[in-house]
């Protein structure tokens, strides 16, 4: 059970990181304009 919970947490973190990367990409675009 413990390992399963850990895996789920890692998945969420991965998703959060992807969201942040996407946001950063948009920010860079706005700065270039």
C-alpha atoms as a PDB file:
ATOM      1  CA  UNK A   1       0.000   0.000   0.000  1.00  0.00           C
ATOM      2  CA  UNK A   2       2.755   2.453   0.934  1.00  0.00           C
ATOM      3  CA  UNK A   3       4.570   2.064  -2.376  1.00  0.00           C
ATOM      4  CA  UNK A   4       1.318   2.592  -4.274  1.00  0.00           C
ATOM      5  CA  UNK A   5       0.659   5.859  -2.435  1.00  0.00           C
ATOM      6  CA  UNK A   6       4.189   7.048  -3.192  1.00  0.00           C
ATOM      7  CA  UNK A   7       3.719   6.279  -6.879  1.00  0.00           C
ATOM      8  CA  UNK A   8       0.503   8.321  -6.951  1.00  0.00           C
ATOM      9  CA  UNK A   9       2.276  11.260  -5.303  1.00  0.00           C
ATOM     10  CA  UNK A  10       5.067  11.113  -7.894  1.00  0.00           C
ATOM     11  CA  UNK A  11       2.490  11.152 -10.689  1.00  0.00           C
ATOM     12  CA  UNK A  12       0.880  14.302  -9.258  1.00  0.00           C
ATOM     13  CA  UNK A  13       4.282  15.978  -8.931  1.00  0.00           C
ATOM     14  CA  UNK A  14       5.060  15.147 -12.549  1.00  0.00           C
ATOM     15  CA  UNK A  15       1.801  16.754 -13.646  1.00  0.00           C
ATOM     16  CA  UNK A  16       2.483  19.868 -11.561  1.00  0.00           C
ATOM     17  CA  UNK A  17       5.968  20.173 -13.052  1.00  0.00           C
ATOM     18  CA  UNK A  18       4.532  19.897 -16.580  1.00  0.00           C
ATOM     19  CA  UNK A  19       2.001  22.638 -15.763  1.00  0.00           C
ATOM     20  CA  UNK A  20       4.762  24.931 -14.484  1.00  0.00           C
ATOM     21  CA  UNK A  21       6.874  24.324 -17.588  1.00  0.00           C
ATOM     22  CA  UNK A  22       3.924  25.241 -19.808  1.00  0.00           C
ATOM     23  CA  UNK A  23       3.347  28.445 -17.803  1.00  0.00           C
ATOM     24  CA  UNK A  24       7.025  29.379 -18.064  1.00  0.00           C
ATOM     25  CA  UNK A  25       6.936  28.874 -21.826  1.00  0.00           C
ATOM     26  CA  UNK A  26       3.999  31.282 -22.121  1.00  0.00           C
ATOM     27  CA  UNK A  27       5.788  33.842 -19.937  1.00  0.00           C
ATOM     28  CA  UNK A  28       8.871  33.759 -22.162  1.00  0.00           C
ATOM     29  CA  UNK A  29       6.693  34.328 -25.224  1.00  0.00           C
ATOM     30  CA  UNK A  30       5.090  37.402 -23.661  1.00  0.00           C
ATOM     31  CA  UNK A  31       8.483  38.854 -22.746  1.00  0.00           C
ATOM     32  CA  UNK A  32       9.768  38.503 -26.305  1.00  0.00           C
ATOM     33  CA  UNK A  33       6.835  40.465 -27.764  1.00  0.00           C
END
